[in-house]
């Protein structure tokens, strides 16, 4: 039993209603395919592959690879913990119209808050600050787009996605000094 119940805002309800009224199976299938790009299993696999590559081939990138792997693991675990504390019914459980137009069911019915996919994407968008400008913008746009697929699928309320994205940013920023602090100080000392 969760400790807190989160209710959707009026804006959440209005957005979900508009999506349910204007969606179709083609849009839903596209969003369903794209949302895998923000799935914890995919992201941990990519982070682990990057970490192994850095350990074997790119010693200078090891601190960054360590950081990305740790952030991926924390952002994978934390939403599960939070979902045991907060109860919120997913919007896809509250719309019959959306299901008629192709909206699938997502996860456990009371696990809307926060969006785990958005937590991962917020962390990725924040970590993109370590990249050159052009790549940083591309990664951030991708992170926002993948997060929004959760709203399109009615898997989460818009506020769940916003809260998850913000939490992901905070997690990455909190962990950055712990994982990259020493390597940055060492590189400054070498200058």
N, C-alpha and C. Protein backbone atom coordinates (compact mmCIF):
# COMPACT_ATOMS: atom_id res chain seq x y z
N UNK A 1 0.84 -1.18 0.00
CA UNK A 1 0.00 0.00 0.00
C UNK A 1 0.88 1.24 0.00
N UNK A 2 0.62 2.14 -0.92
CA UNK A 2 1.39 3.37 -1.04
C UNK A 2 1.03 4.34 0.08
N UNK A 3 1.98 5.21 0.40
CA UNK A 3 1.76 6.19 1.45
C UNK A 3 0.96 7.40 0.97
N UNK A 4 1.12 7.76 -0.31
CA UNK A 4 0.49 8.96 -0.83
C UNK A 4 -0.24 8.64 -2.14
N UNK A 5 -1.35 9.33 -2.34
CA UNK A 5 -2.07 9.24 -3.61
C UNK A 5 -1.91 10.56 -4.33
N UNK A 6 -1.51 10.49 -5.58
CA UNK A 6 -1.32 11.68 -6.40
C UNK A 6 -2.50 11.76 -7.36
N UNK A 7 -3.13 12.92 -7.42
CA UNK A 7 -4.26 13.09 -8.35
C UNK A 7 -3.80 13.95 -9.52
N UNK A 8 -4.31 13.65 -10.70
CA UNK A 8 -3.95 14.45 -11.86
C UNK A 8 -4.54 15.85 -11.77
N UNK A 9 -3.85 16.80 -12.38
CA UNK A 9 -4.32 18.18 -12.39
C UNK A 9 -5.39 18.35 -13.47
N UNK A 10 -6.03 19.51 -13.49
CA UNK A 10 -6.99 19.81 -14.55
C UNK A 10 -6.29 19.81 -15.91
N UNK A 11 -5.08 20.35 -15.93
CA UNK A 11 -4.32 20.36 -17.19
C UNK A 11 -4.00 18.94 -17.63
N UNK A 12 -3.64 18.07 -16.70
CA UNK A 12 -3.39 16.66 -17.03
C UNK A 12 -4.61 16.03 -17.68
N UNK A 13 -5.77 16.24 -17.07
CA UNK A 13 -7.01 15.68 -17.60
C UNK A 13 -7.33 16.24 -18.98
N UNK A 14 -7.13 17.54 -19.17
CA UNK A 14 -7.42 18.16 -20.46
C UNK A 14 -6.50 17.61 -21.55
N UNK A 15 -5.22 17.46 -21.24
CA UNK A 15 -4.27 16.92 -22.22
C UNK A 15 -4.62 15.48 -22.57
N UNK A 16 -4.88 14.67 -21.55
CA UNK A 16 -5.22 13.26 -21.79
C UNK A 16 -6.51 13.13 -22.60
N UNK A 17 -7.48 13.98 -22.32
CA UNK A 17 -8.74 13.95 -23.07
C UNK A 17 -8.51 14.30 -24.54
N UNK A 18 -7.71 15.31 -24.79
CA UNK A 18 -7.40 15.70 -26.17
C UNK A 18 -6.67 14.57 -26.91
N UNK A 19 -5.74 13.93 -26.23
CA UNK A 19 -5.02 12.82 -26.85
C UNK A 19 -5.99 11.68 -27.16
N UNK A 20 -6.82 11.32 -26.20
CA UNK A 20 -7.79 10.23 -26.41
C UNK A 20 -8.75 10.56 -27.55
N UNK A 21 -9.14 11.83 -27.68
CA UNK A 21 -10.07 12.24 -28.73
C UNK A 21 -9.43 12.28 -30.12
N UNK A 22 -8.13 12.46 -30.18
CA UNK A 22 -7.48 12.69 -31.48
C UNK A 22 -6.43 11.64 -31.85
N UNK A 23 -6.33 10.59 -31.11
CA UNK A 23 -5.32 9.58 -31.40
C UNK A 23 -5.83 8.58 -32.44
N UNK A 24 -4.90 7.77 -32.93
CA UNK A 24 -5.28 6.67 -33.81
C UNK A 24 -4.25 5.56 -33.64
N UNK A 25 -4.55 4.40 -34.14
CA UNK A 25 -3.69 3.23 -33.93
C UNK A 25 -2.30 3.45 -34.53
N UNK A 26 -2.21 4.11 -35.68
CA UNK A 26 -0.90 4.35 -36.31
C UNK A 26 0.00 5.21 -35.41
N UNK A 27 -0.56 6.29 -34.88
CA UNK A 27 0.19 7.16 -33.98
C UNK A 27 0.61 6.40 -32.73
N UNK A 28 -0.29 5.62 -32.19
CA UNK A 28 0.02 4.86 -30.98
C UNK A 28 1.11 3.82 -31.23
N UNK A 29 1.08 3.16 -32.39
CA UNK A 29 2.12 2.17 -32.69
C UNK A 29 3.48 2.85 -32.84
N UNK A 30 3.50 4.01 -33.45
CA UNK A 30 4.76 4.75 -33.60
C UNK A 30 5.30 5.16 -32.23
N UNK A 31 4.43 5.71 -31.37
CA UNK A 31 4.85 6.12 -30.03
C UNK A 31 5.31 4.92 -29.20
N UNK A 32 4.62 3.80 -29.39
CA UNK A 32 4.99 2.57 -28.65
C UNK A 32 6.38 2.09 -29.06
N UNK A 33 6.70 2.19 -30.34
CA UNK A 33 8.04 1.79 -30.80
C UNK A 33 9.10 2.77 -30.30
N UNK A 34 8.80 4.06 -30.39
CA UNK A 34 9.78 5.07 -29.97
C UNK A 34 10.05 5.04 -28.47
N UNK A 35 9.03 4.72 -27.68
CA UNK A 35 9.19 4.77 -26.23
C UNK A 35 10.23 3.77 -25.73
N UNK A 36 10.52 2.74 -26.53
CA UNK A 36 11.57 1.79 -26.14
C UNK A 36 12.92 2.47 -26.02
N UNK A 37 13.12 3.58 -26.71
CA UNK A 37 14.38 4.31 -26.60
C UNK A 37 14.63 4.89 -25.23
N UNK A 38 13.59 4.97 -24.41
CA UNK A 38 13.72 5.49 -23.04
C UNK A 38 13.54 4.40 -21.99
N UNK A 39 13.49 3.15 -22.41
CA UNK A 39 13.28 2.04 -21.48
C UNK A 39 14.54 1.77 -20.67
N UNK A 40 14.37 1.49 -19.40
CA UNK A 40 15.52 1.28 -18.51
C UNK A 40 16.41 0.12 -18.95
N UNK A 41 15.83 -0.94 -19.46
CA UNK A 41 16.63 -2.09 -19.87
C UNK A 41 17.54 -1.74 -21.06
N UNK A 42 16.99 -1.01 -22.01
CA UNK A 42 17.77 -0.58 -23.18
C UNK A 42 18.89 0.36 -22.73
N UNK A 43 18.54 1.33 -21.87
CA UNK A 43 19.53 2.33 -21.45
C UNK A 43 20.63 1.73 -20.59
N UNK A 44 20.28 0.82 -19.71
CA UNK A 44 21.32 0.16 -18.90
C UNK A 44 22.23 -0.67 -19.81
N UNK A 45 21.65 -1.36 -20.77
CA UNK A 45 22.46 -2.13 -21.72
C UNK A 45 23.43 -1.26 -22.49
N UNK A 46 22.96 -0.10 -22.97
CA UNK A 46 23.83 0.82 -23.70
C UNK A 46 24.90 1.41 -22.78
N UNK A 47 24.50 1.77 -21.56
CA UNK A 47 25.47 2.33 -20.61
C UNK A 47 26.54 1.30 -20.25
N UNK A 48 26.12 0.06 -20.08
CA UNK A 48 27.07 -1.01 -19.76
C UNK A 48 28.02 -1.27 -20.94
N UNK A 49 27.48 -1.29 -22.14
CA UNK A 49 28.33 -1.47 -23.32
C UNK A 49 29.33 -0.33 -23.45
N UNK A 50 28.88 0.91 -23.21
CA UNK A 50 29.79 2.06 -23.24
C UNK A 50 30.84 1.98 -22.16
N UNK A 51 30.44 1.51 -21.00
CA UNK A 51 31.38 1.38 -19.89
C UNK A 51 32.46 0.34 -20.22
N UNK A 52 32.06 -0.81 -20.75
CA UNK A 52 33.02 -1.85 -21.13
C UNK A 52 33.97 -1.31 -22.20
N UNK A 53 33.42 -0.63 -23.20
CA UNK A 53 34.25 -0.06 -24.27
C UNK A 53 35.27 0.92 -23.70
N UNK A 54 34.83 1.79 -22.79
CA UNK A 54 35.76 2.77 -22.19
C UNK A 54 36.84 2.07 -21.38
N UNK A 55 36.48 1.01 -20.67
CA UNK A 55 37.48 0.30 -19.86
C UNK A 55 38.54 -0.34 -20.75
N UNK A 56 38.12 -0.84 -21.91
CA UNK A 56 39.04 -1.56 -22.79
C UNK A 56 39.77 -0.66 -23.78
N UNK A 57 39.10 0.38 -24.28
CA UNK A 57 39.65 1.14 -25.41
C UNK A 57 39.85 2.63 -25.18
N UNK A 58 39.16 3.21 -24.24
CA UNK A 58 39.19 4.66 -24.06
C UNK A 58 39.44 5.04 -22.59
N UNK A 59 40.64 4.85 -22.10
CA UNK A 59 40.91 5.13 -20.69
C UNK A 59 40.55 6.56 -20.26
N UNK A 60 40.69 7.51 -21.16
CA UNK A 60 40.38 8.91 -20.81
C UNK A 60 38.88 9.12 -20.60
N UNK A 61 38.05 8.22 -21.15
CA UNK A 61 36.61 8.35 -21.02
C UNK A 61 36.03 7.53 -19.86
N UNK A 62 36.90 6.88 -19.11
CA UNK A 62 36.41 6.04 -18.01
C UNK A 62 35.58 6.81 -16.98
N UNK A 63 36.01 8.00 -16.54
CA UNK A 63 35.16 8.71 -15.57
C UNK A 63 33.76 9.01 -16.12
N UNK A 64 33.68 9.41 -17.37
CA UNK A 64 32.38 9.69 -17.97
C UNK A 64 31.56 8.41 -18.08
N UNK A 65 32.19 7.32 -18.50
CA UNK A 65 31.49 6.04 -18.60
C UNK A 65 31.01 5.57 -17.23
N UNK A 66 31.84 5.76 -16.20
CA UNK A 66 31.43 5.42 -14.83
C UNK A 66 30.21 6.24 -14.42
N UNK A 67 30.25 7.52 -14.76
CA UNK A 67 29.16 8.42 -14.42
C UNK A 67 27.86 7.99 -15.10
N UNK A 68 27.91 7.75 -16.39
CA UNK A 68 26.72 7.37 -17.15
C UNK A 68 26.14 6.05 -16.64
N UNK A 69 27.01 5.09 -16.34
CA UNK A 69 26.52 3.81 -15.82
C UNK A 69 25.86 3.98 -14.46
N UNK A 70 26.49 4.74 -13.56
CA UNK A 70 25.90 4.95 -12.24
C UNK A 70 24.56 5.68 -12.35
N UNK A 71 24.51 6.73 -13.16
CA UNK A 71 23.27 7.47 -13.34
C UNK A 71 22.18 6.55 -13.91
N UNK A 72 22.54 5.71 -14.86
CA UNK A 72 21.57 4.78 -15.45
C UNK A 72 21.03 3.81 -14.40
N UNK A 73 21.88 3.31 -13.55
CA UNK A 73 21.44 2.37 -12.52
C UNK A 73 20.55 3.04 -11.48
N UNK A 74 20.94 4.24 -11.06
CA UNK A 74 20.14 4.96 -10.06
C UNK A 74 18.78 5.35 -10.63
N UNK A 75 18.78 5.85 -11.89
CA UNK A 75 17.50 6.26 -12.47
C UNK A 75 16.63 5.07 -12.85
N UNK A 76 17.21 3.89 -12.90
CA UNK A 76 16.40 2.69 -13.11
C UNK A 76 15.76 2.24 -11.80
N UNK A 77 16.47 2.36 -10.70
CA UNK A 77 15.97 1.88 -9.41
C UNK A 77 15.01 2.86 -8.73
N UNK A 78 15.34 4.14 -8.76
CA UNK A 78 14.57 5.12 -8.00
C UNK A 78 13.08 5.19 -8.37
N UNK A 79 12.70 5.18 -9.64
CA UNK A 79 11.26 5.22 -9.94
C UNK A 79 10.49 4.04 -9.34
N UNK A 80 11.10 2.88 -9.27
CA UNK A 80 10.42 1.72 -8.66
C UNK A 80 10.18 1.97 -7.17
N UNK A 81 11.16 2.56 -6.51
CA UNK A 81 11.00 2.89 -5.09
C UNK A 81 9.88 3.93 -4.93
N UNK A 82 9.92 4.96 -5.76
CA UNK A 82 8.92 6.03 -5.65
C UNK A 82 7.51 5.52 -5.97
N UNK A 83 7.39 4.60 -6.90
CA UNK A 83 6.07 4.06 -7.25
C UNK A 83 5.49 3.23 -6.11
N UNK A 84 6.35 2.76 -5.19
CA UNK A 84 5.83 2.06 -4.02
C UNK A 84 5.37 3.04 -2.94
N UNK A 85 5.79 4.30 -3.05
CA UNK A 85 5.40 5.34 -2.11
C UNK A 85 4.18 6.11 -2.61
N UNK A 86 4.10 6.31 -3.93
CA UNK A 86 3.03 7.10 -4.54
C UNK A 86 2.11 6.22 -5.38
N UNK A 87 0.82 6.41 -5.21
CA UNK A 87 -0.20 5.76 -6.04
C UNK A 87 -0.80 6.81 -6.96
N UNK A 88 -0.90 6.47 -8.22
CA UNK A 88 -1.62 7.31 -9.15
C UNK A 88 -2.08 6.43 -10.31
N UNK A 89 -3.35 6.52 -10.65
CA UNK A 89 -3.89 5.72 -11.74
C UNK A 89 -3.43 6.29 -13.07
N UNK A 90 -2.98 5.41 -13.95
CA UNK A 90 -2.54 5.84 -15.28
C UNK A 90 -3.74 6.35 -16.08
N UNK A 91 -3.51 7.34 -16.94
CA UNK A 91 -4.63 7.86 -17.74
C UNK A 91 -5.22 6.82 -18.68
N UNK A 92 -4.43 5.84 -19.11
CA UNK A 92 -4.98 4.84 -20.04
C UNK A 92 -6.03 3.95 -19.37
N UNK A 93 -6.09 3.95 -18.05
CA UNK A 93 -7.12 3.18 -17.34
C UNK A 93 -8.41 3.95 -17.20
N UNK A 94 -8.37 5.24 -17.52
CA UNK A 94 -9.53 6.08 -17.30
C UNK A 94 -10.21 6.51 -18.60
N UNK A 95 -9.75 6.02 -19.73
CA UNK A 95 -10.34 6.42 -21.00
C UNK A 95 -10.74 5.21 -21.82
N UNK A 96 -11.99 5.09 -22.09
CA UNK A 96 -12.46 4.02 -22.98
C UNK A 96 -12.29 4.46 -24.42
N UNK A 97 -12.46 5.75 -24.69
CA UNK A 97 -12.37 6.28 -26.04
C UNK A 97 -10.98 6.05 -26.63
N UNK A 98 -9.96 6.32 -25.83
CA UNK A 98 -8.59 6.13 -26.32
C UNK A 98 -8.31 4.70 -26.72
N UNK A 99 -8.84 3.74 -25.95
CA UNK A 99 -8.62 2.33 -26.28
C UNK A 99 -9.28 1.95 -27.60
N UNK A 100 -10.42 2.55 -27.85
CA UNK A 100 -11.10 2.30 -29.13
C UNK A 100 -10.27 2.80 -30.30
N UNK A 101 -9.43 3.79 -30.05
CA UNK A 101 -8.64 4.38 -31.13
C UNK A 101 -7.20 3.88 -31.14
N UNK A 102 -6.87 2.91 -30.33
CA UNK A 102 -5.55 2.31 -30.40
C UNK A 102 -4.65 2.45 -29.19
N UNK A 103 -5.10 3.13 -28.15
CA UNK A 103 -4.25 3.31 -26.96
C UNK A 103 -4.08 1.98 -26.25
N UNK A 104 -2.84 1.52 -26.08
CA UNK A 104 -2.60 0.27 -25.36
C UNK A 104 -2.59 0.50 -23.85
N UNK A 105 -2.62 -0.57 -23.08
CA UNK A 105 -2.45 -0.46 -21.63
C UNK A 105 -0.97 -0.49 -21.31
N UNK A 106 -0.57 0.32 -20.33
CA UNK A 106 0.84 0.41 -19.94
C UNK A 106 1.01 -0.02 -18.50
N UNK A 107 1.98 -0.86 -18.24
CA UNK A 107 2.39 -1.21 -16.89
C UNK A 107 1.27 -1.44 -15.89
N UNK A 108 1.62 -1.31 -14.63
CA UNK A 108 0.66 -1.48 -13.54
C UNK A 108 -0.25 -0.26 -13.47
N UNK A 109 -1.50 -0.49 -13.21
CA UNK A 109 -2.50 0.58 -13.30
C UNK A 109 -2.25 1.74 -12.34
N UNK A 110 -1.68 1.49 -11.17
CA UNK A 110 -1.51 2.54 -10.15
C UNK A 110 -0.08 3.06 -10.09
N UNK A 111 0.72 2.82 -11.13
CA UNK A 111 2.12 3.22 -11.13
C UNK A 111 2.42 4.38 -12.07
N UNK A 112 1.56 5.37 -12.10
CA UNK A 112 1.77 6.48 -13.02
C UNK A 112 2.85 7.45 -12.55
N UNK A 113 2.97 7.64 -11.26
CA UNK A 113 3.87 8.68 -10.75
C UNK A 113 5.10 8.11 -10.08
N UNK A 114 6.29 8.57 -10.48
CA UNK A 114 6.62 9.40 -11.64
C UNK A 114 6.86 8.53 -12.86
N UNK A 115 7.03 9.15 -14.00
CA UNK A 115 7.36 8.41 -15.21
C UNK A 115 8.82 7.99 -15.16
N UNK A 116 9.06 6.69 -15.09
CA UNK A 116 10.44 6.20 -15.07
C UNK A 116 11.18 6.52 -16.36
N UNK A 117 10.48 6.40 -17.50
CA UNK A 117 11.10 6.74 -18.78
C UNK A 117 11.57 8.20 -18.77
N UNK A 118 10.74 9.09 -18.22
CA UNK A 118 11.11 10.50 -18.17
C UNK A 118 12.27 10.75 -17.20
N UNK A 119 12.35 9.98 -16.12
CA UNK A 119 13.49 10.10 -15.21
C UNK A 119 14.78 9.80 -15.98
N UNK A 120 14.78 8.72 -16.75
CA UNK A 120 15.97 8.37 -17.53
C UNK A 120 16.31 9.46 -18.53
N UNK A 121 15.29 10.00 -19.18
CA UNK A 121 15.52 11.00 -20.22
C UNK A 121 15.96 12.33 -19.63
N UNK A 122 15.46 12.68 -18.45
CA UNK A 122 15.92 13.89 -17.78
C UNK A 122 17.39 13.79 -17.43
N UNK A 123 17.80 12.61 -16.94
CA UNK A 123 19.21 12.39 -16.62
C UNK A 123 20.07 12.46 -17.88
N UNK A 124 19.57 11.88 -18.97
CA UNK A 124 20.30 11.92 -20.23
C UNK A 124 20.43 13.35 -20.74
N UNK A 125 19.34 14.10 -20.68
CA UNK A 125 19.38 15.50 -21.13
C UNK A 125 20.37 16.31 -20.29
N UNK A 126 20.41 16.05 -19.00
CA UNK A 126 21.35 16.76 -18.14
C UNK A 126 22.80 16.34 -18.43
N UNK A 127 23.02 15.05 -18.59
CA UNK A 127 24.37 14.56 -18.90
C UNK A 127 24.85 15.05 -20.25
N UNK A 128 23.93 15.39 -21.14
CA UNK A 128 24.30 15.90 -22.46
C UNK A 128 25.07 17.22 -22.34
N UNK A 129 24.97 17.86 -21.19
CA UNK A 129 25.76 19.07 -20.94
C UNK A 129 27.24 18.83 -21.02
N UNK A 130 27.66 17.58 -20.95
CA UNK A 130 29.07 17.23 -21.06
C UNK A 130 29.52 17.12 -22.53
N UNK A 131 28.57 17.20 -23.46
CA UNK A 131 28.85 17.01 -24.88
C UNK A 131 29.05 18.34 -25.60
N UNK A 132 29.64 18.31 -26.79
CA UNK A 132 29.74 19.53 -27.60
C UNK A 132 28.34 20.06 -27.96
N UNK A 133 28.25 21.34 -28.24
CA UNK A 133 26.96 22.02 -28.41
C UNK A 133 26.00 21.34 -29.37
N UNK A 134 26.40 21.03 -30.58
CA UNK A 134 25.50 20.43 -31.56
C UNK A 134 24.95 19.10 -31.11
N UNK A 135 25.81 18.25 -30.61
CA UNK A 135 25.39 16.94 -30.12
C UNK A 135 24.52 17.09 -28.87
N UNK A 136 24.87 18.03 -28.02
CA UNK A 136 24.09 18.29 -26.80
C UNK A 136 22.65 18.63 -27.16
N UNK A 137 22.46 19.51 -28.12
CA UNK A 137 21.11 19.91 -28.52
C UNK A 137 20.33 18.73 -29.08
N UNK A 138 21.00 17.91 -29.88
CA UNK A 138 20.33 16.76 -30.48
C UNK A 138 19.89 15.77 -29.40
N UNK A 139 20.78 15.48 -28.45
CA UNK A 139 20.46 14.54 -27.37
C UNK A 139 19.32 15.07 -26.52
N UNK A 140 19.35 16.36 -26.22
CA UNK A 140 18.28 16.94 -25.40
C UNK A 140 16.94 16.91 -26.13
N UNK A 141 16.93 17.21 -27.41
CA UNK A 141 15.68 17.15 -28.18
C UNK A 141 15.15 15.72 -28.22
N UNK A 142 16.04 14.76 -28.40
CA UNK A 142 15.64 13.35 -28.41
C UNK A 142 15.07 12.95 -27.04
N UNK A 143 15.71 13.39 -25.96
CA UNK A 143 15.25 13.06 -24.61
C UNK A 143 13.85 13.62 -24.36
N UNK A 144 13.60 14.85 -24.78
CA UNK A 144 12.27 15.44 -24.60
C UNK A 144 11.25 14.67 -25.44
N UNK A 145 11.59 14.40 -26.69
CA UNK A 145 10.68 13.68 -27.58
C UNK A 145 10.32 12.30 -27.06
N UNK A 146 11.32 11.56 -26.59
CA UNK A 146 11.05 10.22 -26.06
C UNK A 146 10.21 10.28 -24.79
N UNK A 147 10.42 11.31 -23.98
CA UNK A 147 9.60 11.47 -22.77
C UNK A 147 8.14 11.72 -23.13
N UNK A 148 7.93 12.52 -24.16
CA UNK A 148 6.56 12.86 -24.56
C UNK A 148 5.80 11.66 -25.11
N UNK A 149 6.51 10.63 -25.56
CA UNK A 149 5.79 9.43 -26.03
C UNK A 149 4.96 8.83 -24.90
N UNK A 150 5.39 9.02 -23.67
CA UNK A 150 4.65 8.46 -22.53
C UNK A 150 3.30 9.17 -22.34
N UNK A 151 3.25 10.46 -22.70
CA UNK A 151 2.00 11.20 -22.63
C UNK A 151 1.10 10.79 -23.80
N UNK A 152 1.69 10.65 -24.98
CA UNK A 152 0.93 10.26 -26.17
C UNK A 152 0.30 8.88 -25.98
N UNK A 153 1.00 7.99 -25.32
CA UNK A 153 0.48 6.64 -25.07
C UNK A 153 -0.51 6.58 -23.91
N UNK A 154 -0.73 7.72 -23.27
CA UNK A 154 -1.57 7.79 -22.08
C UNK A 154 -1.07 6.85 -20.97
N UNK A 155 0.23 6.59 -20.99
CA UNK A 155 0.85 5.80 -19.93
C UNK A 155 1.09 6.65 -18.69
N UNK A 156 1.21 7.96 -18.91
CA UNK A 156 1.47 8.91 -17.82
C UNK A 156 0.75 10.21 -18.09
N UNK A 157 0.43 10.89 -17.01
CA UNK A 157 -0.08 12.24 -17.08
C UNK A 157 1.09 13.15 -17.44
N UNK A 158 0.81 14.28 -18.02
CA UNK A 158 1.88 15.22 -18.39
C UNK A 158 2.70 15.62 -17.16
N UNK A 159 2.04 15.79 -16.01
CA UNK A 159 2.76 16.17 -14.79
C UNK A 159 3.68 15.05 -14.31
N UNK A 160 3.33 13.79 -14.56
CA UNK A 160 4.21 12.67 -14.20
C UNK A 160 5.51 12.75 -15.00
N UNK A 161 5.36 13.09 -16.28
CA UNK A 161 6.52 13.18 -17.16
C UNK A 161 7.38 14.38 -16.76
N UNK A 162 6.75 15.50 -16.48
CA UNK A 162 7.50 16.68 -16.06
C UNK A 162 8.24 16.42 -14.74
N UNK A 163 7.55 15.79 -13.80
CA UNK A 163 8.19 15.47 -12.51
C UNK A 163 9.33 14.48 -12.71
N UNK A 164 9.12 13.44 -13.52
CA UNK A 164 10.16 12.46 -13.78
C UNK A 164 11.37 13.07 -14.46
N UNK A 165 11.13 13.90 -15.47
CA UNK A 165 12.22 14.55 -16.21
C UNK A 165 13.04 15.42 -15.25
N UNK A 166 12.35 16.20 -14.42
CA UNK A 166 13.03 17.07 -13.45
C UNK A 166 13.84 16.24 -12.45
N UNK A 167 13.27 15.15 -12.00
CA UNK A 167 13.97 14.27 -11.06
C UNK A 167 15.23 13.69 -11.71
N UNK A 168 15.13 13.30 -12.97
CA UNK A 168 16.31 12.78 -13.68
C UNK A 168 17.42 13.81 -13.77
N UNK A 169 17.06 15.05 -14.05
CA UNK A 169 18.06 16.13 -14.09
C UNK A 169 18.73 16.26 -12.73
N UNK A 170 17.92 16.27 -11.68
CA UNK A 170 18.46 16.42 -10.33
C UNK A 170 19.40 15.27 -9.97
N UNK A 171 19.01 14.05 -10.31
CA UNK A 171 19.86 12.89 -10.00
C UNK A 171 21.21 13.01 -10.70
N UNK A 172 21.18 13.32 -12.00
CA UNK A 172 22.44 13.44 -12.74
C UNK A 172 23.32 14.52 -12.14
N UNK A 173 22.74 15.66 -11.79
CA UNK A 173 23.51 16.77 -11.23
C UNK A 173 24.05 16.45 -9.84
N UNK A 174 23.30 15.70 -9.06
CA UNK A 174 23.77 15.31 -7.72
C UNK A 174 24.93 14.33 -7.84
N UNK A 175 24.84 13.39 -8.79
CA UNK A 175 25.89 12.38 -8.93
C UNK A 175 27.13 12.89 -9.65
N UNK A 176 27.00 13.92 -10.45
CA UNK A 176 28.14 14.41 -11.25
C UNK A 176 29.38 14.73 -10.42
N UNK A 177 29.28 15.48 -9.33
CA UNK A 177 30.49 15.76 -8.55
C UNK A 177 31.12 14.51 -7.94
N UNK A 178 30.27 13.52 -7.64
CA UNK A 178 30.78 12.29 -7.03
C UNK A 178 31.56 11.44 -8.04
N UNK A 179 31.11 11.44 -9.28
CA UNK A 179 31.75 10.57 -10.28
C UNK A 179 32.76 11.31 -11.15
N UNK A 180 32.52 12.59 -11.40
CA UNK A 180 33.40 13.33 -12.30
C UNK A 180 34.26 14.37 -11.60
N UNK A 181 33.99 14.62 -10.33
CA UNK A 181 34.71 15.65 -9.59
C UNK A 181 36.21 15.46 -9.59
N UNK A 182 36.68 14.27 -9.24
CA UNK A 182 38.13 14.03 -9.17
C UNK A 182 38.78 14.12 -10.54
N UNK A 183 38.14 13.57 -11.57
CA UNK A 183 38.74 13.60 -12.89
C UNK A 183 38.82 15.02 -13.43
N UNK A 184 37.84 15.85 -13.12
CA UNK A 184 37.88 17.25 -13.55
C UNK A 184 38.98 18.01 -12.83
N UNK A 185 39.14 17.74 -11.52
CA UNK A 185 40.21 18.40 -10.77
C UNK A 185 41.56 17.97 -11.31
N UNK A 186 41.71 16.72 -11.63
CA UNK A 186 42.99 16.23 -12.17
C UNK A 186 43.28 16.87 -13.52
N UNK A 187 42.27 17.03 -14.36
CA UNK A 187 42.52 17.65 -15.66
C UNK A 187 42.83 19.13 -15.53
N UNK A 188 42.24 19.80 -14.56
CA UNK A 188 42.57 21.21 -14.31
C UNK A 188 43.99 21.35 -13.80
N UNK A 189 44.43 20.41 -12.95
CA UNK A 189 45.79 20.47 -12.40
C UNK A 189 46.83 20.25 -13.49
N UNK A 190 46.49 19.47 -14.52
CA UNK A 190 47.41 19.21 -15.63
C UNK A 190 47.57 20.42 -16.55
N UNK A 191 46.65 21.36 -16.52
CA UNK A 191 46.69 22.52 -17.43
C UNK A 191 47.74 23.50 -17.06
